[in-house]
Amino acid sequence: MVGAGVVGLSCGIRLLESGYPTRIVSRDVSPNTVSDIAAAWWYPFLAEPVEKTTRWSIETYNELLRLKREFQLDFITMRRGIEYLLEPCAPPKWSDGISHFRVLNQVEVIEGYKSGWEIEAPVIEMAHYLQWLMERFLVLGGDFRESFISSLSDVEGELVVNCTGLGARELCNDEEVVPVRGQIIYIEQDPGFGRFDQRPENLIYTIPRRDVTVLGGTAQKGDWHGEVRESDTKEILEKCSMLWPELDRSKIVGKAVGLRPSRSEVRLEADRSSDRMVIHNYGHGGAGVTLSWGCADEVVALVSRLK
């Protein structure tokens, strides 16, 4: 396997649980992965095709709740969130698969919007979660090698699972893979519940965690700039203040940038074109955490059919 972000680690664990000896090879490991920057509130965002991502996201939702319960993971918390909409629309297809979803009463809709809904979903503190995933992978007997891979043919093994995210652009010569730049702000103030406007062109979110609240955001497609832009910081604060007027800028404690590995569709398929079997699992956009376990189960299903 190649890649040690949330997608790669989840796949590695599932393969081991299914009886397949697994080695992960990766140049980057937490805290230096894109997954470390994830906010990370469960929500299917910037990921296609919807008919598949809906299923994968619901499967991941259920697995996150199971892990929280069975392993007593206090870094996974359930938080309420409200998404505001410019126009009324049908509930998303995933709404029937989660424990709490309701359309807002009109009196609950804030100025500037016409509709919205409330959900309860997991919020994951990624620094703790990625460390736990790696420990779980190793406890199950997995092998990890920190190494740079310039070609999938350099990876040993009968079958390779490619979870390289943005790296797949060069590794697979896949020009469909492009970055969607996300900048965030950390603030030591709890808004009580999350507030969201998920339109990519006007992305707004306030995601409360135990340690900080994450403010965002940006969804700048094709932008490779990895440093914080103060112009984006200013815009994020202005947008978040519209949904959360009590926001206190004096409580800001940090900023970060991550490049989401976007693609027209998630590529999750077996590839027989090389000298051995490769299963590709990349292009999750802003929904790597949200799709991780559902995609991992799909990878295992593909492996079992190939064996």
Protein backbone atom coordinates (compact mmCIF):
# COMPACT_ATOMS: atom_id res chain seq x y z
CA MET A 1 0.00 0.00 0.00
CA VAL A 2 1.11 3.55 -0.70
CA GLY A 3 -0.07 6.49 1.42
CA ALA A 4 -0.43 7.02 5.18
CA GLY A 5 -3.17 9.63 5.37
CA VAL A 6 -6.59 8.81 6.76
CA VAL A 7 -7.60 6.95 3.58
CA GLY A 8 -4.44 4.80 3.49
CA LEU A 9 -4.44 3.96 7.19
CA SER A 10 -8.12 3.02 7.13
CA CYS A 11 -7.50 0.72 4.16
CA GLY A 12 -4.49 -0.83 5.85
CA ILE A 13 -6.47 -1.63 8.98
CA ARG A 14 -9.36 -3.15 7.01
CA LEU A 15 -7.01 -5.34 4.97
CA LEU A 16 -5.33 -6.64 8.13
CA GLU A 17 -8.68 -7.27 9.80
CA SER A 18 -9.65 -9.29 6.71
CA GLY A 19 -6.54 -11.45 6.94
CA TYR A 20 -4.31 -9.82 4.31
CA PRO A 21 -0.67 -9.13 5.31
CA THR A 22 -0.18 -5.43 4.65
CA ARG A 23 2.71 -3.00 4.41
CA ILE A 24 2.23 0.76 4.06
CA VAL A 25 4.92 2.76 2.29
CA SER A 26 4.71 6.54 2.51
CA ARG A 27 6.95 9.59 2.36
CA ASP A 28 4.65 11.54 4.67
CA VAL A 29 3.24 10.49 8.01
CA SER A 30 1.30 12.38 10.68
CA PRO A 31 1.69 15.22 11.57
CA ASN A 32 2.85 16.02 8.03
CA THR A 33 -0.08 14.76 5.95
CA VAL A 34 -2.95 16.66 4.38
CA SER A 35 -5.25 14.65 6.66
CA ASP A 36 -3.71 16.41 9.68
CA ILE A 37 -5.20 19.71 8.47
CA ALA A 38 -8.73 18.32 8.09
CA ALA A 39 -11.27 20.15 10.26
CA ALA A 40 -12.74 17.31 10.41
CA TRP A 41 -16.53 17.27 10.57
CA TRP A 42 -18.29 14.34 8.92
CA TYR A 43 -19.88 15.75 5.78
CA PRO A 44 -19.79 14.60 2.13
CA PHE A 45 -18.07 17.59 0.49
CA LEU A 46 -16.51 17.98 -2.96
CA ALA A 47 -16.80 14.28 -3.77
CA GLU A 48 -18.43 12.48 -6.69
CA PRO A 49 -20.17 10.30 -7.86
CA VAL A 50 -22.98 10.98 -5.40
CA GLU A 51 -24.56 7.52 -5.65
CA LYS A 52 -21.32 5.98 -4.38
CA THR A 53 -20.14 8.71 -2.02
CA THR A 54 -23.53 8.67 -0.27
CA ARG A 55 -23.10 4.98 0.55
CA TRP A 56 -19.45 5.33 1.53
CA SER A 57 -20.18 8.32 3.77
CA ILE A 58 -23.00 6.54 5.64
CA GLU A 59 -20.80 3.47 6.13
CA THR A 60 -18.05 5.72 7.51
CA TYR A 61 -20.52 7.54 9.78
CA ASN A 62 -21.55 4.22 11.35
CA GLU A 63 -17.97 3.05 11.69
CA LEU A 64 -16.85 6.25 13.41
CA LEU A 65 -19.64 5.83 15.94
CA ARG A 66 -18.66 2.19 16.47
CA LEU A 67 -15.01 3.09 17.02
CA LYS A 68 -15.97 5.85 19.44
CA ARG A 69 -18.13 3.44 21.43
CA GLU A 70 -16.03 0.27 21.39
CA PHE A 71 -12.60 1.87 21.81
CA GLN A 72 -13.83 4.79 23.94
CA LEU A 73 -12.21 7.33 21.64
CA ASP A 74 -12.85 10.69 23.28
CA PHE A 75 -11.30 12.54 20.32
CA ILE A 76 -14.39 11.64 18.29
CA THR A 77 -17.30 13.76 19.50
CA MET A 78 -20.84 14.18 18.25
CA ARG A 79 -21.68 17.81 17.55
CA ARG A 80 -24.74 19.58 16.26
CA GLY A 81 -24.40 21.58 13.06
CA ILE A 82 -26.72 23.80 11.05
CA GLU A 83 -26.34 24.30 7.31
CA TYR A 84 -27.96 27.41 5.87
CA LEU A 85 -29.28 27.42 2.30
CA LEU A 86 -30.02 30.24 -0.13
CA GLU A 87 -33.00 28.32 -1.49
CA PRO A 88 -35.10 25.43 -0.16
CA CYS A 89 -34.13 22.07 -1.62
CA ALA A 90 -34.72 18.38 -1.05
CA PRO A 91 -32.74 16.82 1.82
CA PRO A 92 -29.50 15.13 0.71
CA LYS A 93 -29.67 11.40 0.08
CA TRP A 94 -27.44 10.66 3.06
CA SER A 95 -29.91 12.27 5.47
CA ASP A 96 -31.81 9.01 6.03
CA GLY A 97 -28.63 7.24 7.08
CA ILE A 98 -27.66 9.35 10.10
CA SER A 99 -29.11 9.51 13.58
CA HIS A 100 -30.33 13.12 13.55
CA PHE A 101 -31.49 15.24 10.62
CA ARG A 102 -34.27 17.80 10.51
CA VAL A 103 -35.25 20.69 8.27
CA LEU A 104 -35.19 24.05 10.09
CA ASN A 105 -38.36 25.88 10.97
CA GLN A 106 -38.54 29.18 9.13
CA VAL A 107 -38.01 31.17 12.34
CA GLU A 108 -34.65 29.42 12.81
CA VAL A 109 -33.29 30.55 9.44
CA ILE A 110 -30.97 33.54 9.78
CA GLU A 111 -31.00 36.66 7.66
CA GLY A 112 -29.62 36.18 4.16
CA TYR A 113 -30.84 32.59 3.82
CA LYS A 114 -34.20 30.98 3.04
CA SER A 115 -33.85 27.45 4.37
CA GLY A 116 -31.56 25.03 6.15
CA TRP A 117 -31.23 21.86 8.13
CA GLU A 118 -29.75 20.60 11.37
CA ILE A 119 -27.70 17.44 11.73
CA GLU A 120 -25.62 15.74 14.38
CA ALA A 121 -22.35 14.28 13.12
CA PRO A 122 -18.91 13.20 14.35
CA VAL A 123 -16.11 15.72 14.72
CA ILE A 124 -12.66 14.12 14.71
CA GLU A 125 -9.50 15.62 16.18
CA MET A 126 -7.11 14.46 13.49
CA ALA A 127 -3.79 14.68 15.37
CA HIS A 128 -5.10 12.11 17.88
CA TYR A 129 -7.06 10.08 15.35
CA LEU A 130 -4.20 9.59 12.87
CA GLN A 131 -1.90 8.52 15.70
CA TRP A 132 -4.53 6.03 16.87
CA LEU A 133 -4.99 4.68 13.33
CA MET A 134 -1.25 4.11 12.94
CA GLU A 135 -1.05 2.39 16.34
CA ARG A 136 -4.03 0.22 15.44
CA PHE A 137 -2.43 -0.70 12.11
CA LEU A 138 0.80 -1.76 13.84
CA VAL A 139 -0.97 -3.66 16.64
CA LEU A 140 -2.83 -5.69 14.02
CA GLY A 141 0.53 -6.73 12.55
CA GLY A 142 0.96 -4.17 9.80
CA ASP A 143 4.38 -3.06 8.60
CA PHE A 144 5.20 0.59 7.90
CA ARG A 145 8.08 1.91 5.79
CA GLU A 146 8.77 5.63 5.53
CA SER A 147 10.01 6.06 1.97
CA PHE A 148 9.50 8.13 -1.16
CA ILE A 149 7.92 6.27 -4.08
CA SER A 150 8.48 7.63 -7.58
CA SER A 151 6.70 4.75 -9.32
CA LEU A 152 4.15 2.15 -8.25
CA SER A 153 6.42 -0.45 -9.84
CA ASP A 154 8.92 0.27 -7.04
CA VAL A 155 6.48 -1.11 -4.45
CA GLU A 156 6.96 -4.73 -3.45
CA GLY A 157 4.05 -7.15 -3.25
CA GLU A 158 1.52 -9.01 -5.36
CA LEU A 159 -1.02 -6.23 -5.14
CA VAL A 160 -0.64 -2.50 -4.59
CA VAL A 161 -3.31 -0.21 -3.12
CA ASN A 162 -2.73 3.38 -4.19
CA CYS A 163 -3.95 5.90 -1.59
CA THR A 164 -1.62 8.75 -2.53
CA GLY A 165 -4.18 11.56 -2.77
CA LEU A 166 -2.74 14.56 -4.56
CA GLY A 167 0.44 12.59 -5.28
CA ALA A 168 -1.51 10.47 -7.76
CA ARG A 169 -1.37 13.36 -10.20
CA GLU A 170 2.28 12.57 -10.93
CA LEU A 171 2.42 8.96 -9.79
CA CYS A 172 -0.41 7.94 -12.14
CA ASN A 173 -0.10 10.74 -14.68
CA ASP A 174 -3.67 11.62 -13.75
CA GLU A 175 -4.22 15.25 -14.64
CA GLU A 176 -7.78 15.07 -13.31
CA VAL A 177 -6.27 15.25 -9.83
CA VAL A 178 -5.99 18.90 -8.81
CA PRO A 179 -5.59 20.68 -5.48
CA VAL A 180 -8.49 22.53 -3.90
CA ARG A 181 -6.74 24.83 -1.45
CA GLY A 182 -8.25 25.13 1.99
CA GLN A 183 -7.18 27.71 4.58
CA ILE A 184 -8.42 27.53 8.16
CA ILE A 185 -8.19 29.44 11.44
CA TYR A 186 -8.06 27.97 14.95
CA ILE A 187 -9.81 29.89 17.71
CA GLU A 188 -10.22 29.14 21.42
CA GLN A 189 -13.93 29.94 21.56
CA ASP A 190 -16.83 27.49 21.43
CA PRO A 191 -19.81 28.53 19.29
CA GLY A 192 -21.96 25.78 20.85
CA PHE A 193 -22.88 24.31 17.48
CA GLY A 194 -21.42 24.33 13.99
CA ARG A 195 -22.61 26.78 11.37
CA PHE A 196 -22.19 26.05 7.67
CA ASP A 197 -22.66 27.43 4.19
CA GLN A 198 -21.25 24.65 2.01
CA ARG A 199 -21.28 26.41 -1.36
CA PRO A 200 -17.68 26.04 -2.62
CA GLU A 201 -17.62 29.59 -3.98
CA ASN A 202 -18.62 31.00 -0.57
CA LEU A 203 -17.52 28.26 1.78
CA ILE A 204 -18.20 29.05 5.46
CA TYR A 205 -17.85 26.75 8.44
CA THR A 206 -17.34 26.95 12.19
CA ILE A 207 -16.54 23.50 13.58
CA PRO A 208 -16.33 23.23 17.37
CA ARG A 209 -13.91 20.66 18.81
CA ARG A 210 -12.80 20.02 22.39
CA ASP A 211 -9.54 21.92 21.94
CA VAL A 212 -10.40 24.68 19.45
CA THR A 213 -13.02 25.76 16.95
CA VAL A 214 -11.99 25.52 13.31
CA LEU A 215 -13.03 28.42 11.08
CA GLY A 216 -13.08 28.21 7.31
CA GLY A 217 -12.79 28.39 4.62
CA THR A 218 -11.61 28.42 1.06
CA ALA A 219 -12.08 26.01 -1.85
CA GLN A 220 -9.62 27.38 -4.40
CA LYS A 221 -9.36 24.85 -7.20
CA GLY A 222 -5.98 24.53 -8.89
CA ASP A 223 -4.23 26.67 -6.25
CA TRP A 224 -0.97 25.10 -5.06
CA HIS A 225 -0.05 27.88 -2.60
CA GLY A 226 0.74 26.17 0.70
CA GLU A 227 1.27 29.23 2.89
CA VAL A 228 -1.30 31.29 4.80
CA ARG A 229 -2.63 34.32 2.95
CA GLU A 230 -3.69 37.19 5.16
CA SER A 231 -6.27 38.21 2.55
CA ASP A 232 -7.90 34.81 2.98
CA THR A 233 -7.70 35.13 6.76
CA LYS A 234 -9.57 38.42 6.58
CA GLU A 235 -12.23 36.99 4.29
CA ILE A 236 -12.74 33.87 6.44
CA LEU A 237 -13.25 35.98 9.57
CA GLU A 238 -15.71 38.24 7.80
CA LYS A 239 -17.71 35.29 6.46
CA CYS A 240 -17.74 33.39 9.75
CA SER A 241 -18.83 36.50 11.64
CA MET A 242 -21.93 36.62 9.44
CA LEU A 243 -23.00 33.20 10.74
CA TRP A 244 -21.50 33.65 14.23
CA PRO A 245 -21.66 37.33 15.28
CA GLU A 246 -20.16 36.56 18.72
CA LEU A 247 -16.85 35.43 17.17
CA ASP A 248 -13.99 36.94 19.19
CA ARG A 249 -10.92 37.59 17.03
CA SER A 250 -8.72 38.05 20.08
CA LYS A 251 -9.01 34.30 20.72
CA ILE A 252 -7.32 33.22 17.46
CA VAL A 253 -4.47 30.78 18.20
CA GLY A 254 -3.40 29.51 14.78
CA LYS A 255 -3.87 29.19 11.03
CA ALA A 256 -3.14 26.42 8.54
CA VAL A 257 -3.41 25.48 4.87
CA GLY A 258 -4.16 22.12 3.27
CA LEU A 259 -4.48 21.07 -0.37
CA ARG A 260 -7.49 18.80 -0.84
CA PRO A 261 -6.89 16.05 -3.45
CA SER A 262 -9.81 16.78 -5.76
CA ARG A 263 -10.93 14.86 -8.84
CA SER A 264 -14.03 14.84 -11.03
CA GLU A 265 -14.85 11.51 -9.36
CA VAL A 266 -13.21 9.44 -6.64
CA ARG A 267 -11.09 6.84 -8.38
CA LEU A 268 -11.74 3.54 -6.63
CA GLU A 269 -11.10 0.70 -9.03
CA ALA A 270 -8.85 -2.23 -9.88
CA ASP A 271 -6.30 -1.52 -12.60
CA ARG A 272 -4.92 -4.48 -14.54
CA SER A 273 -2.95 -2.42 -17.06
CA SER A 274 0.42 -2.78 -15.31
CA ASP A 275 2.53 -5.86 -14.60
CA ARG A 276 0.51 -6.51 -11.46
CA MET A 277 -2.81 -5.59 -9.92
CA VAL A 278 -3.22 -2.08 -8.56
CA ILE A 279 -6.27 -0.83 -6.71
CA HIS A 280 -6.58 2.94 -6.88
CA ASN A 281 -8.30 4.79 -4.04
CA TYR A 282 -7.79 8.53 -4.37
CA GLY A 283 -9.48 11.80 -5.35
CA HIS A 284 -11.65 12.21 -2.25
CA GLY A 285 -11.64 16.01 -2.36
CA GLY A 286 -12.78 17.52 0.93
CA ALA A 287 -14.31 14.26 2.14
CA GLY A 288 -11.36 12.00 2.88
CA VAL A 289 -12.37 11.43 6.50
CA THR A 290 -16.06 11.19 5.60
CA LEU A 291 -15.50 8.50 2.96
CA SER A 292 -12.53 6.69 4.51
CA TRP A 293 -14.10 3.56 5.99
CA GLY A 294 -16.67 3.07 3.25
CA CYS A 295 -13.88 3.21 0.67
CA ALA A 296 -11.72 0.88 2.77
CA ASP A 297 -14.51 -1.71 2.77
CA GLU A 298 -14.80 -1.33 -1.01
CA VAL A 299 -11.06 -1.93 -1.39
CA VAL A 300 -11.31 -5.13 0.66
CA ALA A 301 -14.25 -6.28 -1.48
CA LEU A 302 -12.17 -5.71 -4.62
CA VAL A 303 -9.21 -7.60 -3.15
CA SER A 304 -11.39 -10.56 -2.18
CA ARG A 305 -12.78 -10.81 -5.70
CA LEU A 306 -9.28 -10.71 -7.18
CA LYS A 307 -7.83 -13.40 -4.93
